[in-house]
Every structure is written in C-alpha cells, then in structure tokens.
Amino acid sequence: MRKEAVVLLNMGGPNNLEEVELFLKNMFSDPNILTMKSSLMRRFVGGIITLLRAEQAQEIYRELGGKSPIVGHTKQLVDALAQKLGDDVIVDFAMRYTPPFADEVVERLKAENIEHVYLIPLYPQYSTTTTKSSLEDFERAMHEHGLDAVTYEVKHFFENEHYNACILSRIKESLGDANPAEYELIFSAHGLPQKIVDKGDPYQRHVERHVDILKGMLADEGLNFSDVRLAYQSKVGPMQWLEPSLEQSIKKVRWGQGLMIFPIAFTIDNSETVFELGVEYKEFVDEMGLENYKVCKCPNEHPLFIEALTEIYEKMK
C-alpha cells in the first residue's frame, strides 16, 4: 500500500459560474488576505468586497467559458507528475478557495493510510498571502480530520533550474521566429499591498531575485530583448501597492517595439493571466498604439515543470 503522498496546493478558481461568489467569499475571509485583527470586521469588509465584485467576476468567467482554467491545468499537471513518480506515490491537489478543498483531500489520504505528506504550494515566490495561507489551511485540515502523517513543506522554488528552464522555454515558444531585440520583455508579478511587504513579507525580494536569475539565463541563451523589466499587476482598492504597475511600465515601452509579458508569479494559467493579461491589457496596449503584443503561457503541465516538481519532492525526502 502506498504510504507517501505529494499534494500540490494552489489558490483555486471557480469550476462554474455558481462558484464565483464562493471563491470571492472564501478569499476575502482569509486573514492572510484581509489582515485586520477583528474577524467581525473582516467578515463585514469581505462581504462588501464580494458583493461589489461578484457580478464583474462572473462576467469574466463567462468570457472564459464559465470557469477558471486553473483546475483543468492542475489536473493535467497532477496526472503527469503521478506518471513520473510511479505507483508508490499518491499525487493529489487541494485548492484554497474552491473545490477540491484541503478537507476532502485529507480524507482521501487518511483512507489510504498515508504516513508521509509532501506539500508543494504552486507559488514560486513565498508570500504570506499565498504560500503561508495554503500551508496553514492544509495543516488545519490534517489536524481536524486526524491525519497523523509526517509533513514536509517547500516554501519557494524560484531558484530551481528546471523551473527556470521551463520559463525560458515558454518565452521561446511565445517568441517563435521573431527577433527578441524587437521586443521589450516585462515579467509581470501579481501585486501586493505595500503594507504587507512593510510588515516583513519577503515576496518582493523573492520576485526581484527571480527576475535577476532569469535575466542572466536569457543572456546566456542569447535572448537579447531590447529591455527586460519587472512590473506588478492586479491592483485593487485605493491603498498603496507595489510599483511599478504594469500600466506604468507599458506606457514606457518605446514606440515601434513589440511587448512580451511573462506572468512570473503564476505557475498555472488562470483568469489573471488569460483574461487580465490576454484581454484587458491587450485593449490597453492597443489604445497605446503598440503592436506585436504577446503573453506567454504559464508553466502549466510543461515537461520541465514536471521535472522541477520531481526534483523538489526528491530533495524533501
């Protein structure tokens, strides 16, 4: 009987339009997202945000075919990793805000009498809003459902060579036969309120280090873009967020240059890569009069990402 399990953790996304409100409600009930100390205030503010954003979010997912692509890609990733690791290891996944939740995954592992659980949050860089939140949620489920297993965790993997080779492969794939010198490359990271970083969240430092690593790899590969920069997307609300914003960076693209975006904070395509970058920012780029706009795919189920996850698991053993 298999005694080990690798569990991939991610934020999740609606599996249908009915889950959009559930997704928003769970996200804005998370104390790692809304960090006020009062749970009553968090529920109040979270409820207002959910109410204000639900209709617009449903329209986005309607444009995406009625669901987020994140679960489908994750299932393919799990299947590929399971085939790579063999029959002696169970591979599963849990989402933070939409099914499959940690509770049901833990119940499956408990039924298999799993003794060792290897948790891999699918966030390349560590943040309290993502990595910490997902790990805490799975550990809660283990305690509440009585899964008595030794747990191993990885906190970030942006330095993994196979993972970064995967990113370069996606960039080459998007570039095709085009000359990189005719494009500016922006690594777009999901934004974060400045106050969270000021409290010690290492996310910004990790993202900046990751971009530096990739710049070196691009140079080694002879991929000489006219410029390579970092920007932050997805800002909401009036508070100060990490800068420069993606809008600010796009405005600085030189006339006549193409623009390529790689979503550096995401491993799996979702509404913020497919719709926000692929549709909304495309409209913004068109308004700026820029041509040749390309958005790279996330690693998804790329073979090099499978290699990276395999290596991460083996190093935890």
C-alpha atoms as a PDB file:
ATOM      1  CA  MET A   1       0.000   0.000   0.000  1.00  0.00           C
ATOM      2  CA  ARG A   2       1.300   3.454  -0.888  1.00  0.00           C
ATOM      3  CA  LYS A   3       2.413   5.416   2.177  1.00  0.00           C
ATOM      4  CA  GLU A   4       3.583   8.671   0.568  1.00  0.00           C
ATOM      5  CA  ALA A   5       1.612  11.494  -0.993  1.00  0.00           C
ATOM      6  CA  VAL A   6       2.618  14.626  -2.850  1.00  0.00           C
ATOM      7  CA  VAL A   7      -0.032  17.323  -2.614  1.00  0.00           C
ATOM      8  CA  LEU A   8       0.091  20.410  -4.815  1.00  0.00           C
ATOM      9  CA  LEU A   9      -1.512  23.498  -3.278  1.00  0.00           C
ATOM     10  CA  ASN A  10      -2.922  26.500  -5.113  1.00  0.00           C
ATOM     11  CA  MET A  11      -5.414  29.323  -4.778  1.00  0.00           C
ATOM     12  CA  GLY A  12      -8.071  27.740  -6.966  1.00  0.00           C
ATOM     13  CA  GLY A  13     -10.707  29.224  -9.217  1.00  0.00           C
ATOM     14  CA  PRO A  14     -14.397  28.756  -9.931  1.00  0.00           C
ATOM     15  CA  ASN A  15     -15.318  25.433 -11.552  1.00  0.00           C
ATOM     16  CA  ASN A  16     -18.572  27.016 -12.724  1.00  0.00           C
ATOM     17  CA  LEU A  17     -20.360  30.353 -12.525  1.00  0.00           C
ATOM     18  CA  GLU A  18     -22.148  29.333  -9.334  1.00  0.00           C
ATOM     19  CA  GLU A  19     -18.772  29.081  -7.559  1.00  0.00           C
ATOM     20  CA  VAL A  20     -17.690  32.648  -8.348  1.00  0.00           C
ATOM     21  CA  GLU A  21     -19.297  34.074  -5.213  1.00  0.00           C
ATOM     22  CA  LEU A  22     -17.907  31.194  -3.110  1.00  0.00           C
ATOM     23  CA  PHE A  23     -14.427  31.920  -4.488  1.00  0.00           C
ATOM     24  CA  LEU A  24     -14.636  35.601  -3.576  1.00  0.00           C
ATOM     25  CA  LYS A  25     -16.209  34.950  -0.184  1.00  0.00           C
ATOM     26  CA  ASN A  26     -13.524  32.467   0.829  1.00  0.00           C
ATOM     27  CA  MET A  27     -10.707  34.657  -0.445  1.00  0.00           C
ATOM     28  CA  PHE A  28     -11.860  37.721   1.442  1.00  0.00           C
ATOM     29  CA  SER A  29     -12.475  35.713   4.594  1.00  0.00           C
ATOM     30  CA  ASP A  30      -8.813  34.709   4.664  1.00  0.00           C
ATOM     31  CA  PRO A  31      -6.941  36.540   7.467  1.00  0.00           C
ATOM     32  CA  ASN A  32      -3.814  36.418   5.327  1.00  0.00           C
ATOM     33  CA  ILE A  33      -5.616  38.469   2.662  1.00  0.00           C
ATOM     34  CA  LEU A  34      -7.621  40.864   4.811  1.00  0.00           C
ATOM     35  CA  THR A  35      -5.232  41.308   7.711  1.00  0.00           C
ATOM     36  CA  MET A  36      -7.371  43.263  10.182  1.00  0.00           C
ATOM     37  CA  LYS A  37      -7.350  41.684  13.655  1.00  0.00           C
ATOM     38  CA  SER A  38     -11.117  41.723  14.107  1.00  0.00           C
ATOM     39  CA  SER A  39     -12.791  38.704  12.461  1.00  0.00           C
ATOM     40  CA  LEU A  40     -16.092  40.582  12.611  1.00  0.00           C
ATOM     41  CA  MET A  41     -14.605  43.488  10.677  1.00  0.00           C
ATOM     42  CA  ARG A  42     -13.016  41.053   8.210  1.00  0.00           C
ATOM     43  CA  ARG A  43     -16.380  39.401   7.514  1.00  0.00           C
ATOM     44  CA  PHE A  44     -18.009  42.804   7.083  1.00  0.00           C
ATOM     45  CA  VAL A  45     -15.372  44.179   4.713  1.00  0.00           C
ATOM     46  CA  GLY A  46     -15.068  40.858   2.889  1.00  0.00           C
ATOM     47  CA  GLY A  47     -18.814  40.718   2.392  1.00  0.00           C
ATOM     48  CA  ILE A  48     -18.865  44.186   0.871  1.00  0.00           C
ATOM     49  CA  ILE A  49     -15.974  43.376  -1.489  1.00  0.00           C
ATOM     50  CA  THR A  50     -17.655  40.138  -2.550  1.00  0.00           C
ATOM     51  CA  LEU A  51     -20.921  41.941  -3.210  1.00  0.00           C
ATOM     52  CA  LEU A  52     -19.214  44.630  -5.280  1.00  0.00           C
ATOM     53  CA  ARG A  53     -17.044  42.272  -7.318  1.00  0.00           C
ATOM     54  CA  ALA A  54     -19.290  39.241  -7.859  1.00  0.00           C
ATOM     55  CA  GLU A  55     -21.141  40.430 -10.956  1.00  0.00           C
ATOM     56  CA  GLN A  56     -17.991  41.663 -12.724  1.00  0.00           C
ATOM     57  CA  ALA A  57     -16.139  38.464 -11.809  1.00  0.00           C
ATOM     58  CA  GLN A  58     -18.967  36.327 -13.176  1.00  0.00           C
ATOM     59  CA  GLU A  59     -18.745  38.206 -16.462  1.00  0.00           C
ATOM     60  CA  ILE A  60     -15.012  37.488 -16.658  1.00  0.00           C
ATOM     61  CA  TYR A  61     -15.527  33.761 -16.102  1.00  0.00           C
ATOM     62  CA  ARG A  62     -18.389  33.767 -18.574  1.00  0.00           C
ATOM     63  CA  GLU A  63     -15.882  35.089 -21.139  1.00  0.00           C
ATOM     64  CA  LEU A  64     -13.577  32.210 -20.157  1.00  0.00           C
ATOM     65  CA  GLY A  65     -16.249  29.607 -20.894  1.00  0.00           C
ATOM     66  CA  GLY A  66     -17.939  29.589 -17.492  1.00  0.00           C
ATOM     67  CA  LYS A  67     -14.978  28.517 -15.348  1.00  0.00           C
ATOM     68  CA  SER A  68     -11.359  29.162 -14.490  1.00  0.00           C
ATOM     69  CA  PRO A  69      -8.751  27.220 -16.486  1.00  0.00           C
ATOM     70  CA  ILE A  70      -6.714  26.625 -13.319  1.00  0.00           C
ATOM     71  CA  VAL A  71      -8.363  23.356 -12.236  1.00  0.00           C
ATOM     72  CA  GLY A  72      -8.138  21.720 -15.661  1.00  0.00           C
ATOM     73  CA  HIS A  73      -4.449  22.546 -15.997  1.00  0.00           C
ATOM     74  CA  THR A  74      -3.784  21.400 -12.432  1.00  0.00           C
ATOM     75  CA  LYS A  75      -5.456  18.036 -13.086  1.00  0.00           C
ATOM     76  CA  GLN A  76      -3.221  17.526 -16.125  1.00  0.00           C
ATOM     77  CA  LEU A  77      -0.202  18.515 -14.040  1.00  0.00           C
ATOM     78  CA  VAL A  78      -1.156  16.025 -11.318  1.00  0.00           C
ATOM     79  CA  ASP A  79      -1.648  13.234 -13.854  1.00  0.00           C
ATOM     80  CA  ALA A  80       1.734  13.909 -15.467  1.00  0.00           C
ATOM     81  CA  LEU A  81       3.524  14.093 -12.106  1.00  0.00           C
ATOM     82  CA  ALA A  82       1.845  10.900 -10.917  1.00  0.00           C
ATOM     83  CA  GLN A  83       3.040   9.091 -14.031  1.00  0.00           C
ATOM     84  CA  LYS A  84       6.553  10.427 -13.431  1.00  0.00           C
ATOM     85  CA  LEU A  85       6.682   9.411  -9.735  1.00  0.00           C
ATOM     86  CA  GLY A  86       5.152   5.975 -10.232  1.00  0.00           C
ATOM     87  CA  ASP A  87       2.594   3.848  -8.404  1.00  0.00           C
ATOM     88  CA  ASP A  88       4.266   4.088  -4.984  1.00  0.00           C
ATOM     89  CA  VAL A  89       3.359   7.769  -4.554  1.00  0.00           C
ATOM     90  CA  ILE A  90      -0.115   9.296  -4.493  1.00  0.00           C
ATOM     91  CA  VAL A  91      -0.288  12.701  -6.188  1.00  0.00           C
ATOM     92  CA  ASP A  92      -3.231  14.960  -5.393  1.00  0.00           C
ATOM     93  CA  PHE A  93      -4.052  18.658  -5.224  1.00  0.00           C
ATOM     94  CA  ALA A  94      -6.001  20.992  -2.960  1.00  0.00           C
ATOM     95  CA  MET A  95      -7.300  24.474  -3.657  1.00  0.00           C
ATOM     96  CA  ARG A  96      -7.560  27.225  -1.083  1.00  0.00           C
ATOM     97  CA  TYR A  97     -10.812  28.907  -2.079  1.00  0.00           C
ATOM     98  CA  THR A  98     -12.711  26.479  -4.341  1.00  0.00           C
ATOM     99  CA  PRO A  99     -13.077  22.690  -4.594  1.00  0.00           C
ATOM    100  CA  PRO A 100     -11.258  20.441  -4.198  1.00  0.00           C
ATOM    101  CA  PHE A 101     -10.684  21.761  -0.675  1.00  0.00           C
ATOM    102  CA  ALA A 102      -7.999  20.518   1.703  1.00  0.00           C
ATOM    103  CA  ASP A 103     -10.603  18.719   3.854  1.00  0.00           C
ATOM    104  CA  GLU A 104     -11.663  16.289   1.128  1.00  0.00           C
ATOM    105  CA  VAL A 105      -8.073  15.663   0.027  1.00  0.00           C
ATOM    106  CA  VAL A 106      -7.050  14.891   3.614  1.00  0.00           C
ATOM    107  CA  GLU A 107      -9.932  12.426   3.910  1.00  0.00           C
ATOM    108  CA  ARG A 108      -8.706  10.618   0.797  1.00  0.00           C
ATOM    109  CA  LEU A 109      -5.168  10.426   2.163  1.00  0.00           C
ATOM    110  CA  LYS A 110      -6.436   9.208   5.515  1.00  0.00           C
ATOM    111  CA  ALA A 111      -8.340   6.384   3.809  1.00  0.00           C
ATOM    112  CA  GLU A 112      -5.054   5.358   2.134  1.00  0.00           C
ATOM    113  CA  ASN A 113      -3.223   5.316   5.500  1.00  0.00           C
ATOM    114  CA  ILE A 114      -0.680   7.817   4.233  1.00  0.00           C
ATOM    115  CA  GLU A 115       2.295   8.251   6.574  1.00  0.00           C
ATOM    116  CA  HIS A 116       4.286  10.967   4.759  1.00  0.00           C
ATOM    117  CA  VAL A 117       2.807  14.044   3.051  1.00  0.00           C
ATOM    118  CA  TYR A 118       4.902  16.300   0.832  1.00  0.00           C
ATOM    119  CA  LEU A 119       3.264  19.702   0.388  1.00  0.00           C
ATOM    120  CA  ILE A 120       4.270  21.811  -2.604  1.00  0.00           C
ATOM    121  CA  PRO A 121       2.494  25.186  -2.850  1.00  0.00           C
ATOM    122  CA  LEU A 122       2.477  26.156  -6.522  1.00  0.00           C
ATOM    123  CA  TYR A 123       3.749  29.656  -5.797  1.00  0.00           C
ATOM    124  CA  PRO A 124       7.350  30.172  -6.972  1.00  0.00           C
ATOM    125  CA  GLN A 125       7.974  33.010  -4.511  1.00  0.00           C
ATOM    126  CA  TYR A 126       6.908  32.962  -0.861  1.00  0.00           C
ATOM    127  CA  SER A 127       4.168  35.247   0.408  1.00  0.00           C
ATOM    128  CA  THR A 128       2.008  35.165   3.496  1.00  0.00           C
ATOM    129  CA  THR A 129      -0.982  35.787   1.220  1.00  0.00           C
ATOM    130  CA  THR A 130      -0.388  32.646  -0.826  1.00  0.00           C
ATOM    131  CA  THR A 131       2.165  30.120   0.464  1.00  0.00           C
ATOM    132  CA  LYS A 132       1.518  30.631   4.166  1.00  0.00           C
ATOM    133  CA  SER A 133      -2.240  30.679   3.670  1.00  0.00           C
ATOM    134  CA  SER A 134      -2.302  27.408   1.701  1.00  0.00           C
ATOM    135  CA  LEU A 135       0.057  25.574   4.055  1.00  0.00           C
ATOM    136  CA  GLU A 136      -1.863  26.675   7.142  1.00  0.00           C
ATOM    137  CA  ASP A 137      -5.147  25.594   5.597  1.00  0.00           C
ATOM    138  CA  PHE A 138      -3.882  22.110   4.746  1.00  0.00           C
ATOM    139  CA  GLU A 139      -2.310  21.658   8.180  1.00  0.00           C
ATOM    140  CA  ARG A 140      -5.624  22.710   9.760  1.00  0.00           C
ATOM    141  CA  ALA A 141      -7.437  20.075   7.737  1.00  0.00           C
ATOM    142  CA  MET A 142      -4.927  17.410   8.773  1.00  0.00           C
ATOM    143  CA  HIS A 143      -5.443  18.186  12.459  1.00  0.00           C
ATOM    144  CA  GLU A 144      -9.233  18.414  12.217  1.00  0.00           C
ATOM    145  CA  HIS A 145      -9.571  15.148  10.281  1.00  0.00           C
ATOM    146  CA  GLY A 146      -6.979  13.253  12.291  1.00  0.00           C
ATOM    147  CA  LEU A 147      -4.444  12.535   9.552  1.00  0.00           C
ATOM    148  CA  ASP A 148      -1.409  11.507  11.581  1.00  0.00           C
ATOM    149  CA  ALA A 149       1.336  11.851   8.976  1.00  0.00           C
ATOM    150  CA  VAL A 150       4.789  13.365   8.872  1.00  0.00           C
ATOM    151  CA  THR A 151       4.570  16.552   6.810  1.00  0.00           C
ATOM    152  CA  TYR A 152       7.262  18.078   4.625  1.00  0.00           C
ATOM    153  CA  GLU A 153       6.919  21.536   3.086  1.00  0.00           C
ATOM    154  CA  VAL A 154       8.676  23.628   0.480  1.00  0.00           C
ATOM    155  CA  LYS A 155       8.290  27.384   0.884  1.00  0.00           C
ATOM    156  CA  HIS A 156       9.512  28.584  -2.539  1.00  0.00           C
ATOM    157  CA  PHE A 157      11.249  27.241  -5.621  1.00  0.00           C
ATOM    158  CA  PHE A 158      12.059  30.219  -7.850  1.00  0.00           C
ATOM    159  CA  GLU A 159      15.741  29.229  -7.858  1.00  0.00           C
ATOM    160  CA  ASN A 160      15.091  25.734  -9.260  1.00  0.00           C
ATOM    161  CA  GLU A 161      16.991  25.333 -12.537  1.00  0.00           C
ATOM    162  CA  HIS A 162      14.421  23.093 -14.219  1.00  0.00           C
ATOM    163  CA  TYR A 163      11.654  25.530 -13.324  1.00  0.00           C
ATOM    164  CA  ASN A 164      13.541  28.474 -14.783  1.00  0.00           C
ATOM    165  CA  ALA A 165      14.422  26.460 -17.874  1.00  0.00           C
ATOM    166  CA  CYS A 166      10.675  25.930 -18.237  1.00  0.00           C
ATOM    167  CA  ILE A 167      10.096  29.683 -18.117  1.00  0.00           C
ATOM    168  CA  LEU A 168      12.704  30.236 -20.836  1.00  0.00           C
ATOM    169  CA  SER A 169      11.032  27.527 -22.902  1.00  0.00           C
ATOM    170  CA  ARG A 170       7.682  29.320 -22.635  1.00  0.00           C
ATOM    171  CA  ILE A 171       9.317  32.614 -23.624  1.00  0.00           C
ATOM    172  CA  LYS A 172      10.932  30.992 -26.680  1.00  0.00           C
ATOM    173  CA  GLU A 173       7.615  29.355 -27.548  1.00  0.00           C
ATOM    174  CA  SER A 174       5.837  32.711 -27.476  1.00  0.00           C
ATOM    175  CA  LEU A 175       8.640  34.448 -29.361  1.00  0.00           C
ATOM    176  CA  GLY A 176       8.607  31.946 -32.215  1.00  0.00           C
ATOM    177  CA  ASP A 177      10.712  33.149 -35.127  1.00  0.00           C
ATOM    178  CA  ALA A 178      10.604  36.790 -34.010  1.00  0.00           C
ATOM    179  CA  ASN A 179      13.752  38.710 -33.114  1.00  0.00           C
ATOM    180  CA  PRO A 180      13.907  39.326 -29.326  1.00  0.00           C
ATOM    181  CA  ALA A 181      15.707  42.633 -29.983  1.00  0.00           C
ATOM    182  CA  GLU A 182      12.418  43.908 -31.400  1.00  0.00           C
ATOM    183  CA  TYR A 183      10.575  43.244 -28.128  1.00  0.00           C
ATOM    184  CA  GLU A 184      10.606  44.509 -24.580  1.00  0.00           C
ATOM    185  CA  LEU A 185      10.028  41.767 -22.008  1.00  0.00           C
ATOM    186  CA  ILE A 186       8.109  42.535 -18.833  1.00  0.00           C
ATOM    187  CA  PHE A 187       7.961  39.998 -16.028  1.00  0.00           C
ATOM    188  CA  SER A 188       4.551  40.729 -14.540  1.00  0.00           C
ATOM    189  CA  ALA A 189       4.073  39.713 -10.908  1.00  0.00           C
ATOM    190  CA  HIS A 190       0.816  39.788  -9.016  1.00  0.00           C
ATOM    191  CA  GLY A 191       0.725  42.953  -6.958  1.00  0.00           C
ATOM    192  CA  LEU A 192       0.652  43.131  -3.169  1.00  0.00           C
ATOM    193  CA  PRO A 193      -0.288  45.968  -0.800  1.00  0.00           C
ATOM    194  CA  GLN A 194       2.843  47.799   0.307  1.00  0.00           C
ATOM    195  CA  LYS A 195       1.838  47.490   3.968  1.00  0.00           C
ATOM    196  CA  ILE A 196       2.094  43.678   3.766  1.00  0.00           C
ATOM    197  CA  VAL A 197       5.642  43.943   2.425  1.00  0.00           C
ATOM    198  CA  ASP A 198       6.491  46.527   5.080  1.00  0.00           C
ATOM    199  CA  LYS A 199       5.466  44.010   7.745  1.00  0.00           C
ATOM    200  CA  GLY A 200       8.163  41.611   6.537  1.00  0.00           C
ATOM    201  CA  ASP A 201       6.589  39.610   3.707  1.00  0.00           C
ATOM    202  CA  PRO A 202       9.557  38.515   1.504  1.00  0.00           C
ATOM    203  CA  TYR A 203       7.549  38.330  -1.720  1.00  0.00           C
ATOM    204  CA  GLN A 204       9.006  41.439  -3.352  1.00  0.00           C
ATOM    205  CA  ARG A 205      12.579  40.385  -2.557  1.00  0.00           C
ATOM    206  CA  HIS A 206      11.925  36.916  -3.978  1.00  0.00           C
ATOM    207  CA  VAL A 207      10.379  38.294  -7.167  1.00  0.00           C
ATOM    208  CA  GLU A 208      13.276  40.691  -7.714  1.00  0.00           C
ATOM    209  CA  ARG A 209      15.835  37.909  -7.159  1.00  0.00           C
ATOM    210  CA  HIS A 210      13.894  35.687  -9.557  1.00  0.00           C
ATOM    211  CA  VAL A 211      13.972  38.332 -12.281  1.00  0.00           C
ATOM    212  CA  ASP A 212      17.726  38.733 -11.795  1.00  0.00           C
ATOM    213  CA  ILE A 213      18.211  34.963 -12.219  1.00  0.00           C
ATOM    214  CA  LEU A 214      16.127  34.926 -15.388  1.00  0.00           C
ATOM    215  CA  LYS A 215      17.948  37.941 -16.827  1.00  0.00           C
ATOM    216  CA  GLY A 216      21.191  36.021 -16.501  1.00  0.00           C
ATOM    217  CA  MET A 217      19.705  32.933 -18.126  1.00  0.00           C
ATOM    218  CA  LEU A 218      18.275  34.987 -21.000  1.00  0.00           C
ATOM    219  CA  ALA A 219      21.714  36.480 -21.639  1.00  0.00           C
ATOM    220  CA  ASP A 220      23.323  33.032 -21.557  1.00  0.00           C
ATOM    221  CA  GLU A 221      20.786  31.815 -24.132  1.00  0.00           C
ATOM    222  CA  GLY A 222      21.424  34.804 -26.406  1.00  0.00           C
ATOM    223  CA  LEU A 223      17.872  36.059 -25.921  1.00  0.00           C
ATOM    224  CA  ASN A 224      18.728  39.748 -26.016  1.00  0.00           C
ATOM    225  CA  PHE A 225      15.455  41.638 -25.602  1.00  0.00           C
ATOM    226  CA  SER A 226      15.617  45.401 -26.058  1.00  0.00           C
ATOM    227  CA  ASP A 227      14.723  45.737 -22.376  1.00  0.00           C
ATOM    228  CA  VAL A 228      13.755  43.402 -19.514  1.00  0.00           C
ATOM    229  CA  ARG A 229      11.798  44.794 -16.589  1.00  0.00           C
ATOM    230  CA  LEU A 230       9.608  43.854 -13.631  1.00  0.00           C
ATOM    231  CA  ALA A 231       6.112  45.218 -13.049  1.00  0.00           C
ATOM    232  CA  TYR A 232       3.110  44.408 -10.849  1.00  0.00           C
ATOM    233  CA  GLN A 233      -0.463  43.751 -11.960  1.00  0.00           C
ATOM    234  CA  SER A 234      -3.926  43.295 -10.424  1.00  0.00           C
ATOM    235  CA  LYS A 235      -4.022  46.261  -8.039  1.00  0.00           C
ATOM    236  CA  VAL A 236      -7.407  46.784  -6.363  1.00  0.00           C
ATOM    237  CA  GLY A 237      -8.563  49.455  -3.948  1.00  0.00           C
ATOM    238  CA  PRO A 238      -7.089  52.844  -3.013  1.00  0.00           C
ATOM    239  CA  MET A 239      -4.143  51.737  -0.841  1.00  0.00           C
ATOM    240  CA  GLN A 240      -0.507  51.796  -1.938  1.00  0.00           C
ATOM    241  CA  TRP A 241       0.599  48.658  -3.807  1.00  0.00           C
ATOM    242  CA  LEU A 242       3.958  47.515  -5.097  1.00  0.00           C
ATOM    243  CA  GLU A 243       5.275  49.517  -8.029  1.00  0.00           C
ATOM    244  CA  PRO A 244       5.843  49.994 -10.867  1.00  0.00           C
ATOM    245  CA  SER A 245       2.412  48.944 -12.007  1.00  0.00           C
ATOM    246  CA  LEU A 246       2.058  47.113 -15.288  1.00  0.00           C
ATOM    247  CA  GLU A 247       0.178  50.106 -16.713  1.00  0.00           C
ATOM    248  CA  GLN A 248       3.068  52.421 -15.846  1.00  0.00           C
ATOM    249  CA  SER A 249       5.545  50.031 -17.434  1.00  0.00           C
ATOM    250  CA  ILE A 250       3.541  49.601 -20.635  1.00  0.00           C
ATOM    251  CA  LYS A 251       3.454  53.390 -21.053  1.00  0.00           C
ATOM    252  CA  LYS A 252       7.272  53.368 -21.095  1.00  0.00           C
ATOM    253  CA  VAL A 253       7.542  50.868 -23.955  1.00  0.00           C
ATOM    254  CA  ARG A 254       9.393  52.570 -26.797  1.00  0.00           C
ATOM    255  CA  TRP A 255       7.472  53.327 -29.958  1.00  0.00           C
ATOM    256  CA  GLY A 256       7.880  50.602 -32.559  1.00  0.00           C
ATOM    257  CA  GLN A 257       8.860  47.945 -30.034  1.00  0.00           C
ATOM    258  CA  GLY A 258       6.857  44.779 -29.510  1.00  0.00           C
ATOM    259  CA  LEU A 259       5.875  43.809 -25.977  1.00  0.00           C
ATOM    260  CA  MET A 260       6.052  40.378 -24.371  1.00  0.00           C
ATOM    261  CA  ILE A 261       4.643  39.594 -20.914  1.00  0.00           C
ATOM    262  CA  PHE A 262       5.604  36.644 -18.760  1.00  0.00           C
ATOM    263  CA  PRO A 263       3.424  36.171 -15.617  1.00  0.00           C
ATOM    264  CA  ILE A 264       6.256  35.444 -13.211  1.00  0.00           C
ATOM    265  CA  ALA A 265       4.170  34.868 -10.061  1.00  0.00           C
ATOM    266  CA  PHE A 266       1.876  32.210 -11.544  1.00  0.00           C
ATOM    267  CA  THR A 267       2.634  28.592 -12.379  1.00  0.00           C
ATOM    268  CA  ILE A 268      -0.853  27.776 -13.711  1.00  0.00           C
ATOM    269  CA  ASP A 269      -2.911  29.859 -16.121  1.00  0.00           C
ATOM    270  CA  ASN A 270      -5.967  31.485 -14.553  1.00  0.00           C
ATOM    271  CA  SER A 271      -8.238  34.481 -15.041  1.00  0.00           C
ATOM    272  CA  GLU A 272      -5.429  36.911 -14.228  1.00  0.00           C
ATOM    273  CA  THR A 273      -3.205  35.546 -16.976  1.00  0.00           C
ATOM    274  CA  VAL A 274      -5.711  34.516 -19.633  1.00  0.00           C
ATOM    275  CA  PHE A 275      -8.226  37.356 -19.220  1.00  0.00           C
ATOM    276  CA  GLU A 276      -6.474  40.203 -17.394  1.00  0.00           C
ATOM    277  CA  LEU A 277      -3.229  39.943 -19.366  1.00  0.00           C
ATOM    278  CA  GLY A 278      -4.607  38.389 -22.530  1.00  0.00           C
ATOM    279  CA  VAL A 279      -7.720  40.545 -22.957  1.00  0.00           C
ATOM    280  CA  GLU A 280      -7.813  43.602 -20.699  1.00  0.00           C
ATOM    281  CA  TYR A 281      -4.180  44.615 -21.054  1.00  0.00           C
ATOM    282  CA  LYS A 282      -4.345  43.820 -24.759  1.00  0.00           C
ATOM    283  CA  GLU A 283      -7.001  46.528 -25.042  1.00  0.00           C
ATOM    284  CA  PHE A 284      -4.763  48.924 -23.102  1.00  0.00           C
ATOM    285  CA  VAL A 285      -1.803  48.107 -25.369  1.00  0.00           C
ATOM    286  CA  ASP A 286      -3.949  48.701 -28.451  1.00  0.00           C
ATOM    287  CA  GLU A 287      -5.027  52.081 -27.064  1.00  0.00           C
ATOM    288  CA  MET A 288      -1.338  52.958 -26.625  1.00  0.00           C
ATOM    289  CA  GLY A 289      -0.802  52.222 -30.317  1.00  0.00           C
ATOM    290  CA  LEU A 290       1.661  49.408 -29.662  1.00  0.00           C
ATOM    291  CA  GLU A 291       1.859  46.398 -31.938  1.00  0.00           C
ATOM    292  CA  ASN A 292       3.014  42.797 -31.529  1.00  0.00           C
ATOM    293  CA  TYR A 293       1.747  42.092 -28.024  1.00  0.00           C
ATOM    294  CA  LYS A 294       2.484  38.592 -26.711  1.00  0.00           C
ATOM    295  CA  VAL A 295       1.540  36.925 -23.400  1.00  0.00           C
ATOM    296  CA  CYS A 296       3.476  33.776 -22.527  1.00  0.00           C
ATOM    297  CA  LYS A 297       1.733  30.722 -21.183  1.00  0.00           C
ATOM    298  CA  CYS A 298       2.352  29.735 -17.576  1.00  0.00           C
ATOM    299  CA  PRO A 299       4.352  26.538 -16.989  1.00  0.00           C
ATOM    300  CA  ASN A 300       1.109  24.542 -16.591  1.00  0.00           C
ATOM    301  CA  GLU A 301       1.873  20.884 -17.376  1.00  0.00           C
ATOM    302  CA  HIS A 302       5.128  21.568 -19.279  1.00  0.00           C
ATOM    303  CA  PRO A 303       7.579  18.616 -19.050  1.00  0.00           C
ATOM    304  CA  LEU A 304      10.270  20.824 -17.493  1.00  0.00           C
ATOM    305  CA  PHE A 305       7.848  21.838 -14.742  1.00  0.00           C
ATOM    306  CA  ILE A 306       7.234  18.143 -14.090  1.00  0.00           C
ATOM    307  CA  GLU A 307      10.999  17.723 -13.762  1.00  0.00           C
ATOM    308  CA  ALA A 308      11.173  20.653 -11.357  1.00  0.00           C
ATOM    309  CA  LEU A 309       8.393  19.281  -9.135  1.00  0.00           C
ATOM    310  CA  THR A 310      10.006  15.845  -9.152  1.00  0.00           C
ATOM    311  CA  GLU A 311      13.297  17.356  -8.039  1.00  0.00           C
ATOM    312  CA  ILE A 312      11.585  19.424  -5.338  1.00  0.00           C
ATOM    313  CA  TYR A 313       9.871  16.306  -3.970  1.00  0.00           C
ATOM    314  CA  GLU A 314      13.057  14.233  -4.020  1.00  0.00           C
ATOM    315  CA  LYS A 315      15.029  16.939  -2.189  1.00  0.00           C
ATOM    316  CA  MET A 316      12.423  16.978   0.601  1.00  0.00           C
ATOM    317  CA  LYS A 317      12.825  13.244   1.249  1.00  0.00           C
END
